[in-house]
C-alpha atoms as a PDB file:
ATOM      1  CA  UNK A   1       0.199  -0.035  -0.385  1.00  0.00           C
ATOM      2  CA  UNK A   2       2.898   2.455   0.780  1.00  0.00           C
ATOM      3  CA  UNK A   3       4.500   2.048  -2.591  1.00  0.00           C
ATOM      4  CA  UNK A   4       1.209   2.587  -4.380  1.00  0.00           C
ATOM      5  CA  UNK A   5       1.144   5.823  -2.437  1.00  0.00           C
ATOM      6  CA  UNK A   6       4.506   6.684  -3.401  1.00  0.00           C
ATOM      7  CA  UNK A   7       3.828   5.922  -7.306  1.00  0.00           C
ATOM      8  CA  UNK A   8       0.412   7.918  -6.896  1.00  0.00           C
ATOM      9  CA  UNK A   9       2.624  11.113  -5.044  1.00  0.00           C
ATOM     10  CA  UNK A  10       5.054  10.534  -8.091  1.00  0.00           C
ATOM     11  CA  UNK A  11       2.560  10.766 -10.531  1.00  0.00           C
ATOM     12  CA  UNK A  12       1.110  13.911  -9.475  1.00  0.00           C
ATOM     13  CA  UNK A  13       4.633  15.684  -9.378  1.00  0.00           C
ATOM     14  CA  UNK A  14       5.234  14.690 -12.745  1.00  0.00           C
ATOM     15  CA  UNK A  15       1.594  16.218 -13.738  1.00  0.00           C
ATOM     16  CA  UNK A  16       2.567  19.192 -11.702  1.00  0.00           C
ATOM     17  CA  UNK A  17       5.763  19.910 -13.594  1.00  0.00           C
ATOM     18  CA  UNK A  18       4.369  19.158 -16.748  1.00  0.00           C
ATOM     19  CA  UNK A  19       1.163  20.997 -16.713  1.00  0.00           C
ATOM     20  CA  UNK A  20       2.365  24.300 -14.316  1.00  0.00           C
ATOM     21  CA  UNK A  21       5.341  23.992 -16.431  1.00  0.00           C
ATOM     22  CA  UNK A  22       3.724  24.908 -19.503  1.00  0.00           C
ATOM     23  CA  UNK A  23       0.598  26.967 -18.423  1.00  0.00           C
ATOM     24  CA  UNK A  24       1.974  29.076 -15.621  1.00  0.00           C
ATOM     25  CA  UNK A  25       4.855  31.291 -14.655  1.00  0.00           C
ATOM     26  CA  UNK A  26       6.634  28.969 -12.305  1.00  0.00           C
ATOM     27  CA  UNK A  27      10.012  29.512 -10.763  1.00  0.00           C
ATOM     28  CA  UNK A  28      13.161  28.890 -12.799  1.00  0.00           C
ATOM     29  CA  UNK A  29      14.319  26.213 -10.497  1.00  0.00           C
ATOM     30  CA  UNK A  30      10.860  24.219 -10.369  1.00  0.00           C
ATOM     31  CA  UNK A  31      11.863  21.245 -12.700  1.00  0.00           C
ATOM     32  CA  UNK A  32      15.280  20.623 -10.565  1.00  0.00           C
ATOM     33  CA  UNK A  33      12.986  20.422  -7.617  1.00  0.00           C
ATOM     34  CA  UNK A  34      10.738  18.057  -9.176  1.00  0.00           C
ATOM     35  CA  UNK A  35      13.827  16.337 -10.153  1.00  0.00           C
ATOM     36  CA  UNK A  36      15.478  16.092  -6.972  1.00  0.00           C
ATOM     37  CA  UNK A  37      12.422  14.656  -5.555  1.00  0.00           C
ATOM     38  CA  UNK A  38      12.068  11.676  -8.364  1.00  0.00           C
ATOM     39  CA  UNK A  39      15.766  10.952  -7.876  1.00  0.00           C
ATOM     40  CA  UNK A  40      15.221  10.013  -4.571  1.00  0.00           C
ATOM     41  CA  UNK A  41      12.433   7.765  -5.706  1.00  0.00           C
ATOM     42  CA  UNK A  42      15.190   5.926  -7.683  1.00  0.00           C
ATOM     43  CA  UNK A  43      16.343   4.541  -4.481  1.00  0.00           C
ATOM     44  CA  UNK A  44      12.723   3.126  -3.446  1.00  0.00           C
ATOM     45  CA  UNK A  45      12.203  -0.875  -3.268  1.00  0.00           C
ATOM     46  CA  UNK A  46       9.335  -0.868  -5.267  1.00  0.00           C
ATOM     47  CA  UNK A  47      10.643  -1.592  -8.945  1.00  0.00           C
ATOM     48  CA  UNK A  48       7.561   0.127 -10.435  1.00  0.00           C
ATOM     49  CA  UNK A  49       7.969   3.309  -8.396  1.00  0.00           C
ATOM     50  CA  UNK A  50      11.859   3.342  -9.466  1.00  0.00           C
ATOM     51  CA  UNK A  51      10.615   2.721 -13.092  1.00  0.00           C
ATOM     52  CA  UNK A  52       8.228   5.220 -13.327  1.00  0.00           C
ATOM     53  CA  UNK A  53      10.560   7.607 -11.634  1.00  0.00           C
ATOM     54  CA  UNK A  54      13.612   6.902 -14.202  1.00  0.00           C
ATOM     55  CA  UNK A  55      10.531   7.580 -16.885  1.00  0.00           C
ATOM     56  CA  UNK A  56       9.552  10.753 -15.265  1.00  0.00           C
ATOM     57  CA  UNK A  57      13.074  12.526 -15.384  1.00  0.00           C
ATOM     58  CA  UNK A  58      13.556  11.616 -18.824  1.00  0.00           C
ATOM     59  CA  UNK A  59      10.228  13.322 -19.341  1.00  0.00           C
ATOM     60  CA  UNK A  60      11.162  16.071 -17.425  1.00  0.00           C
ATOM     61  CA  UNK A  61      14.536  16.524 -19.173  1.00  0.00           C
ATOM     62  CA  UNK A  62      16.676  18.257 -16.116  1.00  0.00           C
ATOM     63  CA  UNK A  63      20.547  18.081 -16.570  1.00  0.00           C
ATOM     64  CA  UNK A  64      21.060  17.603 -12.902  1.00  0.00           C
ATOM     65  CA  UNK A  65      19.151  13.655 -12.605  1.00  0.00           C
ATOM     66  CA  UNK A  66      21.910  12.452 -15.542  1.00  0.00           C
ATOM     67  CA  UNK A  67      24.264  11.284 -12.710  1.00  0.00           C
ATOM     68  CA  UNK A  68      21.498   9.236 -11.075  1.00  0.00           C
ATOM     69  CA  UNK A  69      19.897   7.641 -14.028  1.00  0.00           C
ATOM     70  CA  UNK A  70      23.556   6.213 -14.956  1.00  0.00           C
ATOM     71  CA  UNK A  71      23.548   4.608 -11.175  1.00  0.00           C
ATOM     72  CA  UNK A  72      19.970   3.452 -12.588  1.00  0.00           C
ATOM     73  CA  UNK A  73      21.651   1.774 -15.121  1.00  0.00           C
ATOM     74  CA  UNK A  74      22.267  -0.823 -12.842  1.00  0.00           C
ATOM     75  CA  UNK A  75      19.469  -1.351 -11.429  1.00  0.00           C
ATOM     76  CA  UNK A  76      18.696  -5.102 -10.319  1.00  0.00           C
ATOM     77  CA  UNK A  77      15.300  -4.778 -12.622  1.00  0.00           C
ATOM     78  CA  UNK A  78      15.477  -4.900 -16.194  1.00  0.00           C
ATOM     79  CA  UNK A  79      12.321  -2.452 -16.509  1.00  0.00           C
ATOM     80  CA  UNK A  80      14.120   0.343 -14.672  1.00  0.00           C
ATOM     81  CA  UNK A  81      17.278  -0.302 -16.615  1.00  0.00           C
ATOM     82  CA  UNK A  82      15.346   0.189 -19.953  1.00  0.00           C
ATOM     83  CA  UNK A  83      13.555   3.272 -18.797  1.00  0.00           C
ATOM     84  CA  UNK A  84      17.065   4.970 -17.652  1.00  0.00           C
ATOM     85  CA  UNK A  85      18.547   4.355 -20.748  1.00  0.00           C
ATOM     86  CA  UNK A  86      15.746   6.049 -22.459  1.00  0.00           C
ATOM     87  CA  UNK A  87      15.666   8.708 -20.289  1.00  0.00           C
ATOM     88  CA  UNK A  88      19.340   9.288 -20.493  1.00  0.00           C
ATOM     89  CA  UNK A  89      18.781   9.595 -24.386  1.00  0.00           C
ATOM     90  CA  UNK A  90      16.328  12.080 -23.703  1.00  0.00           C
ATOM     91  CA  UNK A  91      18.554  13.887 -21.556  1.00  0.00           C
ATOM     92  CA  UNK A  92      21.231  14.069 -24.356  1.00  0.00           C
ATOM     93  CA  UNK A  93      24.357  14.294 -21.982  1.00  0.00           C
ATOM     94  CA  UNK A  94      27.580  13.071 -23.592  1.00  0.00           C
ATOM     95  CA  UNK A  95      28.563  12.188 -20.221  1.00  0.00           C
ATOM     96  CA  UNK A  96      26.325   8.782 -20.161  1.00  0.00           C
ATOM     97  CA  UNK A  97      27.926   7.597 -23.478  1.00  0.00           C
ATOM     98  CA  UNK A  98      30.397   5.112 -21.240  1.00  0.00           C
ATOM     99  CA  UNK A  99      27.930   3.632 -19.313  1.00  0.00           C
ATOM    100  CA  UNK A 100      24.874   3.266 -22.499  1.00  0.00           C
ATOM    101  CA  UNK A 101      28.042   1.542 -24.064  1.00  0.00           C
ATOM    102  CA  UNK A 102      28.523  -0.583 -21.589  1.00  0.00           C
ATOM    103  CA  UNK A 103      24.802  -1.769 -21.633  1.00  0.00           C
ATOM    104  CA  UNK A 104      24.918  -2.963 -25.291  1.00  0.00           C
ATOM    105  CA  UNK A 105      26.096  -6.135 -23.251  1.00  0.00           C
ATOM    106  CA  UNK A 106      23.252  -6.000 -20.959  1.00  0.00           C
ATOM    107  CA  UNK A 107      21.745  -9.353 -20.364  1.00  0.00           C
ATOM    108  CA  UNK A 108      18.324  -8.081 -20.873  1.00  0.00           C
ATOM    109  CA  UNK A 109      17.570  -7.385 -25.041  1.00  0.00           C
ATOM    110  CA  UNK A 110      15.121  -4.302 -24.650  1.00  0.00           C
ATOM    111  CA  UNK A 111      17.742  -2.751 -22.329  1.00  0.00           C
ATOM    112  CA  UNK A 112      20.638  -3.196 -25.072  1.00  0.00           C
ATOM    113  CA  UNK A 113      17.972  -1.924 -27.406  1.00  0.00           C
ATOM    114  CA  UNK A 114      17.230   1.434 -25.350  1.00  0.00           C
ATOM    115  CA  UNK A 115      20.928   1.638 -25.122  1.00  0.00           C
ATOM    116  CA  UNK A 116      21.920   1.735 -28.258  1.00  0.00           C
ATOM    117  CA  UNK A 117      19.070   4.311 -29.552  1.00  0.00           C
ATOM    118  CA  UNK A 118      20.301   6.323 -26.430  1.00  0.00           C
ATOM    119  CA  UNK A 119      23.793   6.332 -27.824  1.00  0.00           C
ATOM    120  CA  UNK A 120      22.563   8.211 -31.164  1.00  0.00           C
ATOM    121  CA  UNK A 121      20.666  10.584 -29.061  1.00  0.00           C
ATOM    122  CA  UNK A 122      23.127  12.249 -26.787  1.00  0.00           C
ATOM    123  CA  UNK A 123      25.619  14.768 -27.563  1.00  0.00           C
ATOM    124  CA  UNK A 124      28.119  12.961 -30.341  1.00  0.00           C
ATOM    125  CA  UNK A 125      31.919  12.170 -28.944  1.00  0.00           C
ATOM    126  CA  UNK A 126      34.858  10.476 -30.738  1.00  0.00           C
ATOM    127  CA  UNK A 127      34.429   8.651 -27.682  1.00  0.00           C
ATOM    128  CA  UNK A 128      31.241   6.863 -27.895  1.00  0.00           C
ATOM    129  CA  UNK A 129      32.213   5.307 -31.080  1.00  0.00           C
ATOM    130  CA  UNK A 130      35.531   3.957 -29.594  1.00  0.00           C
ATOM    131  CA  UNK A 131      33.138   2.897 -26.187  1.00  0.00           C
ATOM    132  CA  UNK A 132      30.636   0.991 -28.982  1.00  0.00           C
ATOM    133  CA  UNK A 133      33.557  -0.435 -31.075  1.00  0.00           C
ATOM    134  CA  UNK A 134      34.718  -1.944 -28.289  1.00  0.00           C
ATOM    135  CA  UNK A 135      31.692  -3.697 -27.941  1.00  0.00           C
ATOM    136  CA  UNK A 136      32.523  -5.598 -31.223  1.00  0.00           C
ATOM    137  CA  UNK A 137      35.158  -7.565 -29.503  1.00  0.00           C
ATOM    138  CA  UNK A 138      32.169  -8.809 -26.920  1.00  0.00           C
ATOM    139  CA  UNK A 139      32.450 -12.357 -26.380  1.00  0.00           C
ATOM    140  CA  UNK A 140      28.821 -12.786 -26.303  1.00  0.00           C
ATOM    141  CA  UNK A 141      27.161 -12.293 -29.909  1.00  0.00           C
ATOM    142  CA  UNK A 142      23.903 -10.753 -28.781  1.00  0.00           C
ATOM    143  CA  UNK A 143      26.326  -7.568 -27.582  1.00  0.00           C
ATOM    144  CA  UNK A 144      28.155  -7.643 -30.837  1.00  0.00           C
ATOM    145  CA  UNK A 145      24.593  -7.201 -32.313  1.00  0.00           C
ATOM    146  CA  UNK A 146      23.665  -4.345 -30.102  1.00  0.00           C
ATOM    147  CA  UNK A 147      27.036  -2.924 -30.989  1.00  0.00           C
ATOM    148  CA  UNK A 148      25.798  -2.901 -34.861  1.00  0.00           C
ATOM    149  CA  UNK A 149      22.892  -1.031 -33.675  1.00  0.00           C
ATOM    150  CA  UNK A 150      24.303   1.713 -31.943  1.00  0.00           C
ATOM    151  CA  UNK A 151      26.671   2.139 -34.623  1.00  0.00           C
ATOM    152  CA  UNK A 152      23.758   2.577 -36.992  1.00  0.00           C
ATOM    153  CA  UNK A 153      22.298   5.213 -34.556  1.00  0.00           C
ATOM    154  CA  UNK A 154      25.337   7.607 -34.389  1.00  0.00           C
ATOM    155  CA  UNK A 155      26.070  10.740 -36.620  1.00  0.00           C
ATOM    156  CA  UNK A 156      29.325   9.799 -38.256  1.00  0.00           C
ATOM    157  CA  UNK A 157      31.116   6.469 -38.495  1.00  0.00           C
ATOM    158  CA  UNK A 158      34.704   5.600 -39.208  1.00  0.00           C
ATOM    159  CA  UNK A 159      36.597   3.024 -41.113  1.00  0.00           C
ATOM    160  CA  UNK A 160      38.287   1.888 -38.253  1.00  0.00           C
ATOM    161  CA  UNK A 161      40.144  -1.538 -37.932  1.00  0.00           C
ATOM    162  CA  UNK A 162      37.545  -2.786 -35.402  1.00  0.00           C
ATOM    163  CA  UNK A 163      34.851  -2.568 -37.595  1.00  0.00           C
ATOM    164  CA  UNK A 164      36.699  -3.918 -40.528  1.00  0.00           C
ATOM    165  CA  UNK A 165      37.961  -6.821 -38.584  1.00  0.00           C
ATOM    166  CA  UNK A 166      34.153  -7.492 -37.450  1.00  0.00           C
ATOM    167  CA  UNK A 167      33.755  -8.423 -41.287  1.00  0.00           C
ATOM    168  CA  UNK A 168      34.996 -11.669 -40.114  1.00  0.00           C
ATOM    169  CA  UNK A 169      32.662 -12.552 -37.012  1.00  0.00           C
ATOM    170  CA  UNK A 170      30.938 -15.683 -36.983  1.00  0.00           C
ATOM    171  CA  UNK A 171      27.199 -14.365 -36.514  1.00  0.00           C
ATOM    172  CA  UNK A 172      26.095 -13.428 -39.872  1.00  0.00           C
ATOM    173  CA  UNK A 173      23.978 -10.851 -38.080  1.00  0.00           C
ATOM    174  CA  UNK A 174      26.880  -9.016 -36.950  1.00  0.00           C
ATOM    175  CA  UNK A 175      28.669  -8.831 -40.253  1.00  0.00           C
ATOM    176  CA  UNK A 176      25.198  -7.644 -41.380  1.00  0.00           C
ATOM    177  CA  UNK A 177      25.529  -4.972 -39.250  1.00  0.00           C
ATOM    178  CA  UNK A 178      28.714  -4.146 -39.908  1.00  0.00           C
ATOM    179  CA  UNK A 179      28.272  -3.812 -43.843  1.00  0.00           C
ATOM    180  CA  UNK A 180      25.793  -1.396 -43.165  1.00  0.00           C
ATOM    181  CA  UNK A 181      28.126   0.806 -41.105  1.00  0.00           C
ATOM    182  CA  UNK A 182      30.559   0.286 -43.360  1.00  0.00           C
ATOM    183  CA  UNK A 183      27.973   1.844 -45.972  1.00  0.00           C
ATOM    184  CA  UNK A 184      27.004   4.909 -43.595  1.00  0.00           C
ATOM    185  CA  UNK A 185      30.704   5.684 -43.183  1.00  0.00           C
ATOM    186  CA  UNK A 186      30.464   7.578 -46.584  1.00  0.00           C
ATOM    187  CA  UNK A 187      34.116   6.645 -46.722  1.00  0.00           C
ATOM    188  CA  UNK A 188      35.153   5.541 -50.171  1.00  0.00           C
ATOM    189  CA  UNK A 189      37.869   2.878 -48.842  1.00  0.00           C
ATOM    190  CA  UNK A 190      34.592   0.980 -47.652  1.00  0.00           C
ATOM    191  CA  UNK A 191      33.577  -0.085 -50.928  1.00  0.00           C
ATOM    192  CA  UNK A 192      36.299  -2.533 -51.417  1.00  0.00           C
ATOM    193  CA  UNK A 193      35.233  -4.548 -48.484  1.00  0.00           C
ATOM    194  CA  UNK A 194      31.455  -4.157 -49.792  1.00  0.00           C
ATOM    195  CA  UNK A 195      32.333  -5.312 -52.631  1.00  0.00           C
ATOM    196  CA  UNK A 196      34.182  -8.632 -50.669  1.00  0.00           C
ATOM    197  CA  UNK A 197      31.230  -9.220 -48.821  1.00  0.00           C
ATOM    198  CA  UNK A 198      28.968  -9.416 -51.888  1.00  0.00           C
ATOM    199  CA  UNK A 199      31.036 -11.914 -53.519  1.00  0.00           C
ATOM    200  CA  UNK A 200      32.462 -13.968 -50.731  1.00  0.00           C
ATOM    201  CA  UNK A 201      29.935 -14.055 -47.951  1.00  0.00           C
ATOM    202  CA  UNK A 202      28.109 -17.207 -47.017  1.00  0.00           C
ATOM    203  CA  UNK A 203      24.971 -15.479 -45.401  1.00  0.00           C
ATOM    204  CA  UNK A 204      22.465 -14.016 -48.043  1.00  0.00           C
ATOM    205  CA  UNK A 205      21.503 -11.280 -45.598  1.00  0.00           C
ATOM    206  CA  UNK A 206      25.045  -9.956 -45.473  1.00  0.00           C
ATOM    207  CA  UNK A 207      25.101 -10.256 -49.520  1.00  0.00           C
ATOM    208  CA  UNK A 208      21.968  -8.000 -49.773  1.00  0.00           C
ATOM    209  CA  UNK A 209      23.590  -5.721 -47.382  1.00  0.00           C
ATOM    210  CA  UNK A 210      26.375  -5.416 -49.094  1.00  0.00           C
ATOM    211  CA  UNK A 211      24.283  -4.848 -52.552  1.00  0.00           C
ATOM    212  CA  UNK A 212      22.269  -2.307 -50.710  1.00  0.00           C
ATOM    213  CA  UNK A 213      24.877  -0.331 -49.286  1.00  0.00           C
ATOM    214  CA  UNK A 214      27.001  -0.438 -52.659  1.00  0.00           C
ATOM    215  CA  UNK A 215      24.233   0.942 -54.461  1.00  0.00           C
ATOM    216  CA  UNK A 216      24.424   3.996 -51.960  1.00  0.00           C
ATOM    217  CA  UNK A 217      28.660   4.562 -51.886  1.00  0.00           C
ATOM    218  CA  UNK A 218      29.636   2.439 -54.964  1.00  0.00           C
ATOM    219  CA  UNK A 219      30.975   3.442 -58.181  1.00  0.00           C
ATOM    220  CA  UNK A 220      31.061   2.294 -61.748  1.00  0.00           C
ATOM    221  CA  UNK A 221      34.365   0.089 -60.482  1.00  0.00           C
ATOM    222  CA  UNK A 222      31.736  -2.246 -58.473  1.00  0.00           C
ATOM    223  CA  UNK A 223      28.911  -2.539 -61.648  1.00  0.00           C
ATOM    224  CA  UNK A 224      30.603  -5.828 -62.964  1.00  0.00           C
ATOM    225  CA  UNK A 225      30.549  -7.583 -59.418  1.00  0.00           C
ATOM    226  CA  UNK A 226      26.937  -6.247 -58.865  1.00  0.00           C
ATOM    227  CA  UNK A 227      25.942  -7.506 -62.725  1.00  0.00           C
ATOM    228  CA  UNK A 228      27.268 -10.678 -61.881  1.00  0.00           C
ATOM    229  CA  UNK A 229      25.384 -10.932 -58.450  1.00  0.00           C
ATOM    230  CA  UNK A 230      22.299 -10.005 -60.279  1.00  0.00           C
ATOM    231  CA  UNK A 231      22.198 -12.463 -62.545  1.00  0.00           C
ATOM    232  CA  UNK A 232      24.016 -15.971 -60.564  1.00  0.00           C
ATOM    233  CA  UNK A 233      23.345 -15.056 -56.683  1.00  0.00           C
ATOM    234  CA  UNK A 234      21.303 -18.081 -55.386  1.00  0.00           C
ATOM    235  CA  UNK A 235      19.387 -15.761 -53.531  1.00  0.00           C
ATOM    236  CA  UNK A 236      16.263 -13.762 -54.884  1.00  0.00           C
ATOM    237  CA  UNK A 237      17.206 -11.118 -52.479  1.00  0.00           C
ATOM    238  CA  UNK A 238      20.498 -10.120 -53.439  1.00  0.00           C
ATOM    239  CA  UNK A 239      19.727 -10.565 -57.113  1.00  0.00           C
ATOM    240  CA  UNK A 240      17.113  -7.676 -56.519  1.00  0.00           C
ATOM    241  CA  UNK A 241      18.836  -5.808 -54.474  1.00  0.00           C
ATOM    242  CA  UNK A 242      22.265  -5.803 -56.675  1.00  0.00           C
ATOM    243  CA  UNK A 243      19.938  -4.968 -59.944  1.00  0.00           C
ATOM    244  CA  UNK A 244      18.865  -1.840 -57.654  1.00  0.00           C
ATOM    245  CA  UNK A 245      22.664  -1.054 -56.952  1.00  0.00           C
ATOM    246  CA  UNK A 246      23.525  -1.159 -60.787  1.00  0.00           C
ATOM    247  CA  UNK A 247      20.709   0.679 -61.417  1.00  0.00           C
ATOM    248  CA  UNK A 248      21.478   3.753 -58.831  1.00  0.00           C
ATOM    249  CA  UNK A 249      25.085   3.668 -59.789  1.00  0.00           C
ATOM    250  CA  UNK A 250      24.391   4.591 -63.533  1.00  0.00           C
ATOM    251  CA  UNK A 251      21.668   6.902 -62.956  1.00  0.00           C
ATOM    252  CA  UNK A 252      24.154   8.782 -60.390  1.00  0.00           C
ATOM    253  CA  UNK A 253      26.688   8.215 -63.370  1.00  0.00           C
ATOM    254  CA  UNK A 254      24.337   9.639 -66.216  1.00  0.00           C
ATOM    255  CA  UNK A 255      23.280  12.597 -63.684  1.00  0.00           C
ATOM    256  CA  UNK A 256      26.896  13.541 -63.008  1.00  0.00           C
ATOM    257  CA  UNK A 257      27.769  13.468 -66.744  1.00  0.00           C
ATOM    258  CA  UNK A 258      24.770  15.886 -67.791  1.00  0.00           C
ATOM    259  CA  UNK A 259      25.708  18.297 -65.235  1.00  0.00           C
ATOM    260  CA  UNK A 260      29.469  18.681 -66.379  1.00  0.00           C
ATOM    261  CA  UNK A 261      30.236  21.912 -68.416  1.00  0.00           C
ATOM    262  CA  UNK A 262      30.380  20.556 -72.309  1.00  0.00           C
ATOM    263  CA  UNK A 263      33.887  21.489 -74.071  1.00  0.00           C
END
């Protein structure tokens, strides 16, 4: 019963913060005061109260709660960890990057997904990318898959040694995620790796991803490989994406030629 009243009070605090903060002239310290009370409830013995407090802190978005939400990422209840990760993403403070990257290896799938999403929402730092790439070396496949998802959520991805090494990962889902990340680098150096995946990877899902990404970043130099895949790959999806990629590169070349000034 006491937990029920704590939860009701928590929701009342959040409602007051949102409603009065929008419609009346409240003191500038009001969000911080509400956040401070909510932070106290992150230590409540009832996991429902802790989860609701973390969710409310994310909605209020006051930076003072950042460190407490980082602590909540280690809550014994997975639902609290998930909501804390999402709340940190809403706060957008880059200081939470290391903690979020660490929870790409969380034992709970929703927590890993929430951490990956949050990494893409916080202030970008080169450290975030380094920390996320490090998870590609984690012994558990689920953590490596989460790392590829996190890389795709970042504003920029570098063509790094860790990324290239992960192309030999035994899990096809990791290799597919890395292929997608390679395409997002925008680096011409990624083209040769994508072509190699298209031509040699055993998993159709990886070859299809490579074909799609080559359609985005490839040039005339990969048309022959894409044409072969469009005709001869045993998987229908790969053939379809390879044909699409050939069309994209060809159209891009034609458009570029049309823009050239006449001699």
